[in-house]
Protein backbone atom coordinates (compact mmCIF):
# COMPACT_ATOMS: atom_id res chain seq x y z
CA MET A 1 -20.01 15.12 5.89
CA ARG A 2 -16.71 15.12 7.76
CA ALA A 3 -13.56 14.13 5.87
CA LEU A 4 -9.77 14.14 6.27
CA THR A 5 -8.36 16.56 3.70
CA TRP A 6 -4.93 17.63 2.45
CA HIS A 7 -3.86 21.26 2.85
CA GLY A 8 -0.09 21.15 2.44
CA LYS A 9 3.02 19.28 3.46
CA ARG A 10 2.39 17.64 6.84
CA ASP A 11 -0.94 19.49 7.01
CA VAL A 12 -4.03 17.29 6.95
CA ARG A 13 -7.26 18.45 8.55
CA ILE A 14 -10.76 17.33 9.35
CA ASP A 15 -13.14 19.47 7.29
CA THR A 16 -16.87 19.57 6.60
CA VAL A 17 -17.32 18.94 2.86
CA PRO A 18 -20.31 18.25 0.57
CA ASP A 19 -21.74 14.75 0.66
CA PRO A 20 -20.94 12.66 -2.45
CA LYS A 21 -23.78 12.06 -4.91
CA ILE A 22 -24.64 9.37 -7.44
CA GLN A 23 -23.09 10.60 -10.72
CA GLU A 24 -23.39 7.52 -12.93
CA PRO A 25 -26.16 4.89 -12.94
CA THR A 26 -23.62 2.26 -11.84
CA ASP A 27 -22.40 4.23 -8.79
CA ILE A 28 -23.05 3.40 -5.16
CA ILE A 29 -22.64 5.50 -2.01
CA VAL A 30 -20.99 3.77 0.95
CA ARG A 31 -21.23 4.98 4.54
CA VAL A 32 -17.70 4.30 5.78
CA THR A 33 -17.41 2.37 9.04
CA THR A 34 -13.63 1.81 9.07
CA THR A 35 -10.80 3.21 6.96
CA GLY A 36 -7.04 2.75 7.18
CA ILE A 37 -4.02 5.03 7.01
CA CYS A 38 -1.47 3.52 4.63
CA GLY A 39 2.24 4.06 4.16
CA SER A 40 1.35 5.38 0.69
CA ASP A 41 -0.67 8.13 2.41
CA LEU A 42 2.58 9.30 3.98
CA HIS A 43 3.97 9.93 0.49
CA LEU A 44 1.14 12.46 0.06
CA TYR A 45 1.81 13.85 3.54
CA GLU A 46 5.51 14.34 2.76
CA VAL A 47 6.44 14.30 -0.94
CA PHE A 48 3.65 14.52 -3.51
CA GLY A 49 2.22 17.94 -2.62
CA PRO A 50 2.74 19.31 -6.16
CA TYR A 51 0.15 16.83 -7.42
CA LEU A 52 -2.53 17.67 -4.82
CA ASP A 53 -4.93 20.56 -4.24
CA ALA A 54 -6.01 21.95 -0.88
CA GLY A 55 -9.16 20.15 0.21
CA ASP A 56 -8.47 16.85 -1.57
CA ILE A 57 -10.00 13.98 0.43
CA LEU A 58 -7.43 11.33 1.35
CA GLY A 59 -7.64 7.60 1.97
CA HIS A 60 -7.85 4.40 -0.04
CA GLU A 61 -8.56 1.64 2.51
CA PRO A 62 -12.29 1.91 3.32
CA MET A 63 -15.17 -0.40 4.07
CA GLY A 64 -18.72 0.26 5.14
CA ILE A 65 -22.44 -0.12 4.48
CA VAL A 66 -24.09 0.61 1.14
CA GLU A 67 -26.36 3.61 1.65
CA GLU A 68 -27.53 4.33 -1.89
CA VAL A 69 -27.29 2.56 -5.27
CA GLY A 70 -27.54 3.82 -8.82
CA PRO A 71 -30.46 2.62 -10.99
CA GLU A 72 -28.34 0.11 -12.93
CA VAL A 73 -26.69 -1.58 -9.92
CA THR A 74 -27.93 -5.14 -9.30
CA SER A 75 -25.10 -6.94 -7.42
CA VAL A 76 -25.30 -5.00 -4.15
CA ALA A 77 -28.20 -3.40 -2.31
CA VAL A 78 -28.75 -0.81 0.38
CA GLY A 79 -27.63 -2.30 3.68
CA ASP A 80 -24.99 -4.60 2.23
CA ARG A 81 -21.55 -4.59 3.84
CA VAL A 82 -18.68 -3.99 1.40
CA VAL A 83 -14.94 -3.43 1.21
CA VAL A 84 -13.74 -0.97 -1.46
CA PRO A 85 -10.49 -1.87 -3.31
CA PHE A 86 -8.10 1.03 -3.77
CA ASN A 87 -7.90 0.54 -7.57
CA VAL A 88 -10.81 2.26 -9.31
CA SER A 89 -11.23 -0.60 -11.79
CA CYS A 90 -14.18 -1.47 -14.00
CA GLY A 91 -13.71 -5.24 -13.86
CA THR A 92 -14.72 -5.75 -17.50
CA CYS A 93 -12.04 -4.21 -19.76
CA TRP A 94 -9.21 -6.15 -21.45
CA MET A 95 -6.79 -5.48 -18.57
CA CYS A 96 -9.25 -6.28 -15.79
CA GLU A 97 -10.27 -9.54 -17.47
CA ARG A 98 -6.59 -10.57 -17.28
CA GLY A 99 -6.31 -9.74 -13.59
CA LEU A 100 -4.47 -6.44 -14.18
CA HIS A 101 -6.91 -4.22 -12.35
CA SER A 102 -4.21 -1.64 -11.57
CA GLN A 103 -3.99 -1.07 -15.33
CA CYS A 104 -7.76 -0.77 -15.93
CA GLU A 105 -8.23 0.72 -19.39
CA THR A 106 -11.49 2.40 -18.39
CA THR A 107 -9.90 4.53 -15.67
CA GLN A 108 -6.28 4.87 -16.86
CA VAL A 109 -5.19 8.48 -16.43
CA LYS A 110 -4.06 8.80 -20.02
CA GLU A 111 -3.24 12.51 -19.87
CA ARG A 112 -0.63 11.66 -17.22
CA GLY A 113 0.50 8.41 -18.81
CA THR A 114 -0.36 6.43 -15.67
CA GLY A 115 -2.40 3.37 -14.79
CA ALA A 116 -5.81 2.95 -13.20
CA ALA A 117 -7.23 5.71 -11.06
CA LEU A 118 -6.88 5.31 -7.29
CA PHE A 119 -9.10 6.47 -4.46
CA GLY A 120 -7.70 9.31 -2.38
CA PHE A 121 -4.54 9.86 -4.36
CA THR A 122 -3.02 12.54 -6.59
CA LYS A 123 -3.59 14.05 -10.02
CA LEU A 124 -1.25 11.34 -11.30
CA TYR A 125 -3.97 8.80 -10.52
CA GLY A 126 -7.19 10.67 -11.18
CA GLN A 127 -7.57 12.80 -8.02
CA VAL A 128 -10.59 10.69 -6.97
CA PRO A 129 -12.04 11.66 -3.54
CA GLY A 130 -10.89 9.13 -0.95
CA GLY A 131 -12.29 7.06 1.85
CA GLN A 132 -11.04 8.81 4.99
CA ALA A 133 -14.49 10.30 5.22
CA GLU A 134 -17.99 9.52 6.43
CA LEU A 135 -19.26 8.79 2.91
CA LEU A 136 -17.66 7.58 -0.32
CA ARG A 137 -18.89 7.49 -3.91
CA VAL A 138 -17.84 4.18 -5.47
CA PRO A 139 -18.03 3.69 -9.25
CA PHE A 140 -18.71 0.30 -10.88
CA GLY A 141 -21.04 -0.82 -8.11
CA ASP A 142 -21.60 -4.25 -9.67
CA THR A 143 -17.93 -5.18 -10.13
CA LEU A 144 -15.68 -3.14 -7.81
CA PRO A 145 -16.88 -3.48 -4.18
CA VAL A 146 -16.24 -6.74 -2.33
CA LYS A 147 -19.34 -7.92 -0.53
CA VAL A 148 -18.61 -9.39 2.93
CA PRO A 149 -20.90 -10.85 5.59
CA HIS A 150 -22.33 -8.94 8.52
CA GLY A 151 -21.26 -10.04 11.97
CA PRO A 152 -17.45 -10.25 12.31
CA PRO A 153 -15.60 -7.03 13.21
CA ASP A 154 -14.45 -4.66 10.48
CA GLN A 155 -10.82 -5.56 11.24
CA ARG A 156 -11.40 -8.99 9.71
CA PHE A 157 -12.21 -7.56 6.28
CA VAL A 158 -10.95 -3.97 5.96
CA TYR A 159 -7.47 -5.04 4.81
CA LEU A 160 -8.99 -6.49 1.62
CA SER A 161 -8.95 -2.89 0.40
CA ASP A 162 -5.15 -2.82 0.15
CA VAL A 163 -2.90 -4.47 2.74
CA LEU A 164 -3.88 -8.10 2.13
CA PRO A 165 -3.93 -8.10 -1.70
CA THR A 166 -0.81 -5.94 -1.91
CA ALA A 167 1.10 -8.27 0.40
CA TRP A 168 -0.36 -11.36 -1.32
CA GLN A 169 0.76 -10.08 -4.73
CA ALA A 170 4.21 -9.28 -3.34
CA VAL A 171 4.58 -12.90 -2.20
CA ALA A 172 3.10 -14.28 -5.42
CA TYR A 173 5.51 -12.18 -7.48
CA ALA A 174 8.41 -13.33 -5.28
CA ASP A 175 7.56 -16.87 -6.44
CA VAL A 176 8.97 -18.58 -3.36
CA GLU A 177 8.50 -22.33 -3.56
CA PRO A 178 7.41 -24.30 -0.46
CA GLY A 179 10.51 -24.72 1.67
CA GLY A 180 12.17 -21.69 0.09
CA SER A 181 13.55 -18.53 1.65
CA VAL A 182 12.65 -14.84 1.40
CA THR A 183 13.90 -11.60 2.89
CA VAL A 184 11.35 -8.85 3.52
CA VAL A 185 12.92 -5.39 3.54
CA GLY A 186 10.67 -3.12 5.58
CA LEU A 187 8.24 -4.40 8.22
CA GLY A 188 5.57 -1.74 7.99
CA PRO A 189 2.00 -2.95 7.37
CA ILE A 190 2.70 -4.38 3.90
CA GLY A 191 6.04 -5.98 4.77
CA ASP A 192 4.68 -7.40 8.03
CA MET A 193 1.69 -8.94 6.24
CA ALA A 194 3.87 -10.21 3.37
CA ALA A 195 6.05 -12.03 5.91
CA ARG A 196 2.96 -13.65 7.44
CA ILE A 197 1.64 -14.70 4.04
CA ALA A 198 5.03 -16.10 2.98
CA LEU A 199 5.11 -18.29 6.09
CA HIS A 200 1.49 -19.33 5.53
CA ARG A 201 2.28 -20.34 1.95
CA GLY A 202 5.14 -22.57 3.02
CA ALA A 203 8.37 -20.58 3.08
CA SER A 204 10.76 -22.27 5.49
CA GLN A 205 12.84 -19.17 6.19
CA VAL A 206 11.55 -15.60 6.31
CA ILE A 207 13.99 -12.85 7.26
CA GLY A 208 12.63 -9.38 8.09
CA VAL A 209 14.66 -6.16 7.99
CA ASP A 210 13.68 -2.94 9.77
CA LEU A 211 14.92 -0.43 12.34
CA VAL A 212 11.77 0.19 14.41
CA PRO A 213 11.74 -1.96 17.58
CA GLU A 214 7.96 -2.44 17.63
CA ARG A 215 7.94 -3.66 14.02
CA LEU A 216 10.80 -6.07 14.64
CA ALA A 217 9.07 -7.45 17.74
CA ARG A 218 5.77 -8.01 15.89
CA ALA A 219 7.53 -9.96 13.16
CA GLN A 220 9.50 -12.06 15.64
CA GLU A 221 6.26 -13.08 17.36
CA ARG A 222 5.06 -14.53 14.04
CA GLY A 223 8.21 -16.62 13.48
CA VAL A 224 10.24 -14.19 11.35
CA HIS A 225 14.03 -13.99 11.86
CA THR A 226 14.70 -10.26 12.12
CA ILE A 227 17.68 -8.07 11.24
CA ASP A 228 17.85 -4.71 13.01
CA LEU A 229 19.21 -2.00 10.71
CA ASN A 230 20.45 -0.11 13.75
CA GLU A 231 22.86 -3.00 14.31
CA TYR A 232 23.78 -4.05 10.77
CA ASP A 233 23.00 -0.99 8.59
CA LYS A 234 25.10 -1.60 5.43
CA GLY A 235 25.89 -5.19 6.41
CA VAL A 236 22.37 -6.57 5.79
CA GLY A 237 23.39 -8.53 2.69
CA ASP A 238 26.31 -10.14 4.53
CA GLU A 239 24.03 -11.19 7.40
CA VAL A 240 21.42 -12.62 5.00
CA ARG A 241 24.15 -14.64 3.29
CA ARG A 242 25.42 -15.86 6.65
CA LEU A 243 21.92 -17.11 7.46
CA THR A 244 21.53 -18.86 4.09
CA GLY A 245 24.76 -20.79 3.66
CA GLY A 246 26.45 -17.96 1.77
CA ARG A 247 23.91 -17.66 -1.07
CA GLY A 248 21.28 -15.09 -0.08
CA THR A 249 17.55 -15.77 -0.03
CA ASP A 250 15.64 -17.15 -3.01
CA ALA A 251 13.65 -13.92 -3.14
CA VAL A 252 13.53 -10.48 -1.60
CA ILE A 253 10.34 -8.48 -1.11
CA GLU A 254 11.20 -4.78 -1.05
CA ALA A 255 8.39 -3.11 0.90
CA VAL A 256 9.96 0.29 1.61
CA GLY A 257 10.26 2.32 -1.58
CA MET A 258 11.12 5.95 -2.11
CA GLU A 259 11.48 7.10 1.49
CA ALA A 260 14.10 4.59 2.60
CA HIS A 261 16.36 5.29 5.57
CA GLY A 262 19.85 6.52 4.81
CA ALA A 263 19.46 8.93 1.87
CA PRO A 264 19.87 12.52 3.13
CA PHE A 265 20.56 13.98 -0.34
CA THR A 266 17.37 12.52 -1.76
CA ARG A 267 15.30 13.73 1.20
CA ALA A 268 16.77 17.22 0.78
CA ALA A 269 15.86 17.22 -2.92
CA GLN A 270 12.31 16.09 -2.14
CA ASN A 271 11.98 18.83 0.48
CA LEU A 272 13.24 21.43 -2.00
CA ALA A 273 10.67 20.37 -4.59
CA GLY A 274 7.98 20.70 -1.96
CA MET A 275 8.84 24.38 -1.49
CA LEU A 276 8.53 25.28 -5.20
CA PRO A 277 5.31 26.57 -6.82
CA ASP A 278 3.15 23.60 -7.85
CA ALA A 279 3.61 23.99 -11.61
CA LEU A 280 7.40 24.09 -11.30
CA ALA A 281 7.51 21.41 -8.63
CA GLU A 282 5.52 19.05 -10.89
CA LYS A 283 8.13 19.47 -13.63
CA VAL A 284 10.96 18.82 -11.19
CA MET A 285 9.31 15.72 -9.73
CA GLY A 286 8.17 14.40 -13.11
CA ARG A 287 11.42 14.90 -15.02
CA ALA A 288 14.21 14.98 -12.49
CA GLY A 289 12.85 13.34 -9.35
CA VAL A 290 15.18 10.88 -7.65
CA ASP A 291 14.08 8.41 -5.00
CA SER A 292 16.07 6.94 -2.18
CA MET A 293 17.34 3.67 -3.61
CA THR A 294 18.73 2.37 -0.32
CA ALA A 295 16.13 -0.36 0.17
CA PHE A 296 16.32 -1.42 -3.47
CA HIS A 297 20.10 -1.76 -3.31
CA THR A 298 19.68 -3.84 -0.15
CA ALA A 299 17.32 -6.13 -2.04
CA VAL A 300 19.78 -6.52 -4.92
CA ASP A 301 22.54 -7.36 -2.46
CA ALA A 302 20.54 -9.85 -0.38
CA VAL A 303 18.91 -11.90 -3.16
CA ARG A 304 20.73 -15.02 -4.29
CA ARG A 305 21.99 -15.41 -7.84
CA GLY A 306 19.11 -16.47 -10.07
CA GLY A 307 16.62 -15.24 -7.47
CA THR A 308 13.66 -12.88 -7.65
CA ILE A 309 13.05 -9.38 -6.34
CA SER A 310 9.40 -8.47 -5.74
CA LEU A 311 9.18 -4.70 -5.54
CA VAL A 312 6.10 -3.44 -3.69
CA GLY A 313 7.45 -0.24 -2.13
CA VAL A 314 6.23 2.87 -4.00
CA TYR A 315 8.68 4.80 -6.17
CA GLY A 316 8.08 8.04 -8.05
CA GLY A 317 11.43 9.29 -9.35
CA ALA A 318 12.10 9.71 -13.07
CA VAL A 319 15.89 9.29 -13.09
CA ASP A 320 16.59 6.71 -10.39
CA PRO A 321 19.99 5.01 -10.70
CA VAL A 322 19.31 1.29 -11.11
CA PRO A 323 22.25 -1.12 -10.74
CA MET A 324 21.73 -2.77 -14.12
CA LEU A 325 25.16 -4.47 -14.24
CA THR A 326 24.59 -6.23 -10.92
CA LEU A 327 21.02 -7.24 -11.81
CA PHE A 328 22.21 -8.68 -15.14
CA ASP A 329 25.25 -10.41 -13.66
CA LYS A 330 23.20 -12.02 -10.88
CA GLN A 331 20.47 -13.06 -13.35
CA VAL A 332 17.85 -11.50 -11.11
CA GLN A 333 14.17 -11.51 -11.99
CA LEU A 334 12.42 -8.26 -11.07
CA ARG A 335 8.64 -7.93 -10.68
CA MET A 336 6.76 -4.89 -9.46
CA GLY A 337 3.65 -2.76 -9.70
CA GLN A 338 0.49 -1.59 -7.96
CA ALA A 339 -1.50 -4.44 -6.52
CA ASN A 340 -4.35 -5.78 -8.64
CA VAL A 341 -6.70 -5.91 -5.68
CA ARG A 342 -9.66 -7.70 -7.24
CA ARG A 343 -7.33 -10.32 -8.75
CA TRP A 344 -6.47 -11.77 -5.32
CA VAL A 345 -9.71 -11.43 -3.33
CA ASP A 346 -10.97 -14.96 -4.01
CA ASP A 347 -7.64 -16.41 -2.81
CA ILE A 348 -7.69 -14.41 0.42
CA LEU A 349 -11.33 -14.45 1.54
CA PRO A 350 -11.32 -18.11 2.70
CA LEU A 351 -8.54 -17.23 5.17
CA LEU A 352 -10.65 -14.53 6.87
CA ASP A 353 -12.54 -16.87 9.16
CA ASP A 354 -12.60 -17.44 12.92
CA GLU A 355 -9.22 -19.19 12.80
CA ASP A 356 -7.62 -15.91 11.62
CA VAL A 357 -4.40 -17.53 10.41
CA LEU A 358 -2.97 -14.18 9.26
CA GLY A 359 -3.79 -12.34 12.47
CA VAL A 360 -5.86 -9.63 10.82
CA GLU A 361 -8.19 -8.98 13.76
CA HIS A 362 -5.28 -7.77 15.90
CA PHE A 363 -3.18 -6.33 13.07
CA ALA A 364 -3.95 -2.67 13.80
CA THR A 365 -1.93 -1.13 16.61
CA HIS A 366 -4.20 1.92 16.86
CA THR A 367 -7.90 2.54 16.22
CA LEU A 368 -8.99 6.16 16.49
CA PRO A 369 -12.02 8.29 15.61
CA LEU A 370 -11.84 10.04 12.24
CA GLU A 371 -11.74 13.35 14.10
CA GLU A 372 -8.28 12.39 15.39
CA GLY A 373 -6.94 11.76 11.90
CA THR A 374 -4.57 14.73 12.02
CA ARG A 375 -2.85 13.32 15.10
CA ALA A 376 -2.81 9.84 13.61
CA TYR A 377 -0.93 11.01 10.50
CA LYS A 378 1.63 12.84 12.62
CA THR A 379 2.19 9.83 14.86
CA PHE A 380 2.44 7.39 11.95
CA GLN A 381 4.89 9.58 10.04
CA ALA A 382 7.11 9.95 13.12
CA LYS A 383 6.89 6.19 13.93
CA GLU A 384 5.90 7.13 17.47
CA ASP A 385 3.79 5.40 20.12
CA GLY A 386 4.44 2.00 18.57
CA MET A 387 2.15 2.78 15.64
CA VAL A 388 2.50 0.24 12.84
CA LYS A 389 -1.04 0.30 11.44
CA ALA A 390 -3.83 2.78 12.23
CA LEU A 391 -7.54 2.52 11.53
CA LEU A 392 -9.98 5.42 11.66
CA THR A 393 -13.68 5.06 12.50
CA PRO A 394 -15.95 7.84 11.15
């Protein structure tokens, strides 16, 4: 089969690789029809090279048609249409039964001290072959895939793999009451969708922060008040307070994470680690890695006293400086973590109808063949050509 594979920093290629096979009686094989490129994939493209091997198959946002099922699978059949959540979760362990699928005890990568395995990610999360490929082996065929109807376009359902549940959890964790206010820092795919969901769930004021014109324009079209970082930069908190009677918003969703704008020292350190031999680079990243905290500090500044920060941007540093005094003094609640995809599917599915209240069918800015995946990664990383969300079609 053809697959998009990692070969080094900013080096992803389309290769011919062996087809996946049924390994466990509960496995299924899915022929991928659409798969997304996520902001988290850019962390692999840029930063996490020490935890990858050449030839690793990328991607964690796939959907497609079931092509083969293991002998113990009864919930799906050949020909069914399914979306594959990015958490490799069993659905039956203690954590999964409590809606914490990102902490699945069956697939936790215990030797690394991390949570549930993820499709298409690093050794930190199981190094499971991903979905930017023609075929995908999916474990736990009875409990992991989300069965969806035939008929509507893939764009209606593919975001159930990551974007929709991640954004939904971000809003749920922000705990914004109807009529409340929220600032979304970062209007990439997750931040953009979180802003839409916050408005859908009754927030009266949603403020979006970014520096990319196309992202700001998309959010404005959906009723978000936007703040352009090119204009305000370090004055974001002051502008949020001006818009909220001097308090700040009830919550802030931080949807940027480790690669925030405005941290040249951190970027230099990440680049240096990427040039070291893998064994040494792993030690540096695992014990001394420092993320850009720019977006997090913006969230701390913009949230009102007694408010909530919902942290959905990915961080990986071991010694990040967290402003504990300010968080304590402002009595801020802080919630974070990988999305528990399966936890939120039943809440989201009823919204994926012909009314399309969240605008999923026109959410992607680019749809390209899988064979153009190399170009898509380069364009997405550079924020060129107005790319906010890209889908690949094998």
